[in-house]
C-alpha atoms as a PDB file:
ATOM      1  CA  MET A   1      14.425 116.897 120.807  1.00  0.00           C
ATOM      2  CA  PRO A   2      16.654 120.138 120.405  1.00  0.00           C
ATOM      3  CA  ALA A   3      19.811 119.363 118.516  1.00  0.00           C
ATOM      4  CA  GLY A   4      22.953 118.512 120.548  1.00  0.00           C
ATOM      5  CA  THR A   5      20.969 116.525 123.360  1.00  0.00           C
ATOM      6  CA  LEU A   6      22.740 113.683 124.593  1.00  0.00           C
ATOM      7  CA  TYR A   7      20.076 111.228 125.206  1.00  0.00           C
ATOM      8  CA  ARG A   8      17.199 112.193 122.724  1.00  0.00           C
ATOM      9  CA  GLY A   9      14.635 110.147 123.744  1.00  0.00           C
ATOM     10  CA  ARG A  10      16.594 106.625 124.553  1.00  0.00           C
ATOM     11  CA  GLU A  11      17.699 104.808 128.172  1.00  0.00           C
ATOM     12  CA  GLY A  12      19.099 108.189 129.159  1.00  0.00           C
ATOM     13  CA  MET A  13      16.484 110.073 128.897  1.00  0.00           C
ATOM     14  CA  TRP A  14      14.345 107.464 130.759  1.00  0.00           C
ATOM     15  CA  SER A  15      16.852 107.294 133.857  1.00  0.00           C
ATOM     16  CA  TRP A  16      16.965 111.074 133.872  1.00  0.00           C
ATOM     17  CA  VAL A  17      13.299 111.221 134.423  1.00  0.00           C
ATOM     18  CA  ALA A  18      13.337 108.099 136.669  1.00  0.00           C
ATOM     19  CA  HIS A  19      16.128 109.733 138.792  1.00  0.00           C
ATOM     20  CA  ARG A  20      14.010 113.027 139.174  1.00  0.00           C
ATOM     21  CA  VAL A  21      10.916 111.131 140.030  1.00  0.00           C
ATOM     22  CA  THR A  22      12.416 108.820 142.349  1.00  0.00           C
ATOM     23  CA  GLY A  23      13.947 111.761 143.748  1.00  0.00           C
ATOM     24  CA  VAL A  24      10.743 113.565 144.906  1.00  0.00           C
ATOM     25  CA  LEU A  25       9.406 110.316 145.888  1.00  0.00           C
ATOM     26  CA  ILE A  26      12.121 110.033 148.319  1.00  0.00           C
ATOM     27  CA  PHE A  27      12.054 113.741 149.662  1.00  0.00           C
ATOM     28  CA  PHE A  28       8.003 112.940 150.062  1.00  0.00           C
ATOM     29  CA  PHE A  29       8.721 109.645 152.016  1.00  0.00           C
ATOM     30  CA  LEU A  30      11.389 112.057 154.300  1.00  0.00           C
ATOM     31  CA  PHE A  31       8.774 114.490 154.464  1.00  0.00           C
ATOM     32  CA  VAL A  32       5.842 112.381 155.970  1.00  0.00           C
ATOM     33  CA  HIS A  33       8.764 110.746 158.094  1.00  0.00           C
ATOM     34  CA  VAL A  34       9.396 113.460 159.988  1.00  0.00           C
ATOM     35  CA  LEU A  35       5.884 114.832 160.500  1.00  0.00           C
ATOM     36  CA  ASP A  36       4.875 111.396 161.589  1.00  0.00           C
ATOM     37  CA  THR A  37       8.083 111.191 164.081  1.00  0.00           C
ATOM     38  CA  ALA A  38       7.103 114.716 165.522  1.00  0.00           C
ATOM     39  CA  LEU A  39       3.364 113.577 166.253  1.00  0.00           C
ATOM     40  CA  VAL A  40       5.142 111.805 169.159  1.00  0.00           C
ATOM     41  CA  ARG A  41       5.721 114.663 171.187  1.00  0.00           C
ATOM     42  CA  VAL A  42       2.302 116.561 170.078  1.00  0.00           C
ATOM     43  CA  SER A  43      -0.130 113.146 170.386  1.00  0.00           C
ATOM     44  CA  PRO A  44       1.351 110.109 171.588  1.00  0.00           C
ATOM     45  CA  GLU A  45      -1.915 108.506 170.582  1.00  0.00           C
ATOM     46  CA  ALA A  46      -1.945 109.829 167.242  1.00  0.00           C
ATOM     47  CA  TYR A  47       1.772 108.478 166.935  1.00  0.00           C
ATOM     48  CA  ASP A  48       0.833 105.119 168.177  1.00  0.00           C
ATOM     49  CA  ASP A  49      -2.347 104.832 165.840  1.00  0.00           C
ATOM     50  CA  ALA A  50       0.121 105.609 162.976  1.00  0.00           C
ATOM     51  CA  ILE A  51       2.517 102.863 163.828  1.00  0.00           C
ATOM     52  CA  ASP A  52      -0.412 100.319 163.848  1.00  0.00           C
ATOM     53  CA  LEU A  53      -1.218 101.903 160.081  1.00  0.00           C
ATOM     54  CA  TYR A  54       2.314 101.189 158.958  1.00  0.00           C
ATOM     55  CA  LYS A  55       1.792  97.621 160.333  1.00  0.00           C
ATOM     56  CA  SER A  56      -0.616  96.897 157.355  1.00  0.00           C
ATOM     57  CA  PRO A  57       0.345  94.851 154.433  1.00  0.00           C
ATOM     58  CA  LEU A  58      -0.254  97.752 152.123  1.00  0.00           C
ATOM     59  CA  VAL A  59       2.427 100.018 153.705  1.00  0.00           C
ATOM     60  CA  GLY A  60       4.635  96.658 153.951  1.00  0.00           C
ATOM     61  CA  PHE A  61       4.237  96.968 149.642  1.00  0.00           C
ATOM     62  CA  MET A  62       4.991 100.411 149.744  1.00  0.00           C
ATOM     63  CA  GLU A  63       8.158 100.066 151.381  1.00  0.00           C
ATOM     64  CA  TYR A  64       9.140  97.733 148.924  1.00  0.00           C
ATOM     65  CA  GLY A  65       8.458 100.551 146.752  1.00  0.00           C
ATOM     66  CA  LEU A  66      10.846 102.960 148.964  1.00  0.00           C
ATOM     67  CA  VAL A  67      13.733 100.349 148.885  1.00  0.00           C
ATOM     68  CA  ALA A  68      13.141 100.119 144.856  1.00  0.00           C
ATOM     69  CA  ALA A  69      13.181 104.225 144.446  1.00  0.00           C
ATOM     70  CA  VAL A  70      16.335 104.668 147.032  1.00  0.00           C
ATOM     71  CA  LEU A  71      18.287 101.766 145.154  1.00  0.00           C
ATOM     72  CA  PHE A  72      17.725 103.144 141.817  1.00  0.00           C
ATOM     73  CA  HIS A  73      18.250 106.638 142.876  1.00  0.00           C
ATOM     74  CA  ALA A  74      21.739 105.347 144.231  1.00  0.00           C
ATOM     75  CA  LEU A  75      22.870 103.603 141.552  1.00  0.00           C
ATOM     76  CA  ASN A  76      21.784 105.963 139.135  1.00  0.00           C
ATOM     77  CA  GLY A  77      23.375 108.468 140.976  1.00  0.00           C
ATOM     78  CA  LEU A  78      26.688 106.590 140.810  1.00  0.00           C
ATOM     79  CA  ARG A  79      26.218 106.098 137.178  1.00  0.00           C
ATOM     80  CA  VAL A  80      25.805 110.187 136.478  1.00  0.00           C
ATOM     81  CA  VAL A  81      28.873 110.829 138.830  1.00  0.00           C
ATOM     82  CA  ALA A  82      30.838 108.278 136.562  1.00  0.00           C
ATOM     83  CA  VAL A  83      29.617 110.184 133.420  1.00  0.00           C
ATOM     84  CA  ASP A  84      30.629 113.128 134.668  1.00  0.00           C
ATOM     85  CA  PHE A  85      33.845 112.478 135.899  1.00  0.00           C
ATOM     86  CA  TRP A  86      35.512 109.294 134.336  1.00  0.00           C
ATOM     87  CA  GLN A  87      36.864 110.657 131.389  1.00  0.00           C
ATOM     88  CA  ARG A  88      35.403 108.070 129.084  1.00  0.00           C
ATOM     89  CA  GLY A  89      32.240 108.032 131.036  1.00  0.00           C
ATOM     90  CA  ALA A  90      29.901 109.604 128.368  1.00  0.00           C
ATOM     91  CA  ARG A  91      31.141 106.785 126.135  1.00  0.00           C
ATOM     92  CA  TYR A  92      30.080 104.299 128.086  1.00  0.00           C
ATOM     93  CA  GLN A  93      26.842 106.087 130.084  1.00  0.00           C
ATOM     94  CA  ARG A  94      24.603 103.570 127.942  1.00  0.00           C
ATOM     95  CA  GLN A  95      26.333 100.112 129.123  1.00  0.00           C
ATOM     96  CA  MET A  96      26.633 101.976 132.586  1.00  0.00           C
ATOM     97  CA  LEU A  97      23.021 102.056 132.633  1.00  0.00           C
ATOM     98  CA  TRP A  98      22.059  98.539 132.185  1.00  0.00           C
ATOM     99  CA  VAL A  99      24.863  97.647 134.916  1.00  0.00           C
ATOM    100  CA  ALA A 100      22.851  99.807 137.132  1.00  0.00           C
ATOM    101  CA  VAL A 101      19.645  98.401 136.096  1.00  0.00           C
ATOM    102  CA  GLY A 102      20.957  94.857 136.601  1.00  0.00           C
ATOM    103  CA  LEU A 103      22.509  95.416 139.784  1.00  0.00           C
ATOM    104  CA  TRP A 104      18.875  97.426 141.249  1.00  0.00           C
ATOM    105  CA  ALA A 105      16.935  94.090 139.521  1.00  0.00           C
ATOM    106  CA  LEU A 106      19.469  91.925 141.595  1.00  0.00           C
ATOM    107  CA  LEU A 107      19.222  93.698 144.946  1.00  0.00           C
ATOM    108  CA  MET A 108      15.707  94.164 144.670  1.00  0.00           C
ATOM    109  CA  ALA A 109      15.283  90.394 144.165  1.00  0.00           C
ATOM    110  CA  GLY A 110      17.240  90.149 147.446  1.00  0.00           C
ATOM    111  CA  ALA A 111      15.105  92.787 149.101  1.00  0.00           C
ATOM    112  CA  ALA A 112      11.991  91.083 148.333  1.00  0.00           C
ATOM    113  CA  TYR A 113      11.697  88.599 151.005  1.00  0.00           C
ATOM    114  CA  PRO A 114      13.281  90.497 153.946  1.00  0.00           C
ATOM    115  CA  VAL A 115      10.850  93.652 152.693  1.00  0.00           C
ATOM    116  CA  LEU A 116       7.703  91.719 151.921  1.00  0.00           C
ATOM    117  CA  ASN A 117       7.672  88.813 154.243  1.00  0.00           C
ATOM    118  CA  HIS A 118       5.753  90.590 156.960  1.00  0.00           C
ATOM    119  CA  ALA A 119       3.058  91.826 154.488  1.00  0.00           C
ATOM    120  CA  PHE A 120       2.872  88.500 153.075  1.00  0.00           C
ATOM    121  CA  ARG A 121       2.246  86.521 155.927  1.00  0.00           C
ATOM    122  CA  GLU A 122      -0.361  89.117 156.787  1.00  0.00           C
ATOM    123  CA  LEU A 123      -2.277  88.549 153.932  1.00  0.00           C
ATOM    124  CA  PHE A 124      -1.542  85.065 153.387  1.00  0.00           C
ATOM    125  CA  GLY A 125      -1.143  83.612 156.914  1.00  0.00           C
ATOM    126  CA  SER A 126       2.514  82.083 158.136  1.00  0.00           C
END
């Protein structure tokens, strides 16, 4: 690592990497979402097939991954704003990261049932 870097391979660097990866994943989802929504004008049958595909359990788990990416990206983004604009932000960036990760884990636990309910019912029955 070059001298003077703030993170030096610790938690901050991994949050930086995760922020970029989640941003790319969210962009990819939005791109696919716009394309599949546009299918309704081109071929309503193809659109209906896409919607049927989205009801599969695999896509249910992918939705949970999307929720994970959006929540982490949002919480880490708020942490980055605090680091940049709060006078003491850089001093507390590590603690704020762990608060963001804790909130993320709590919110993901709360999202598990509403997001994964359909997938588990499809896989294991009601």
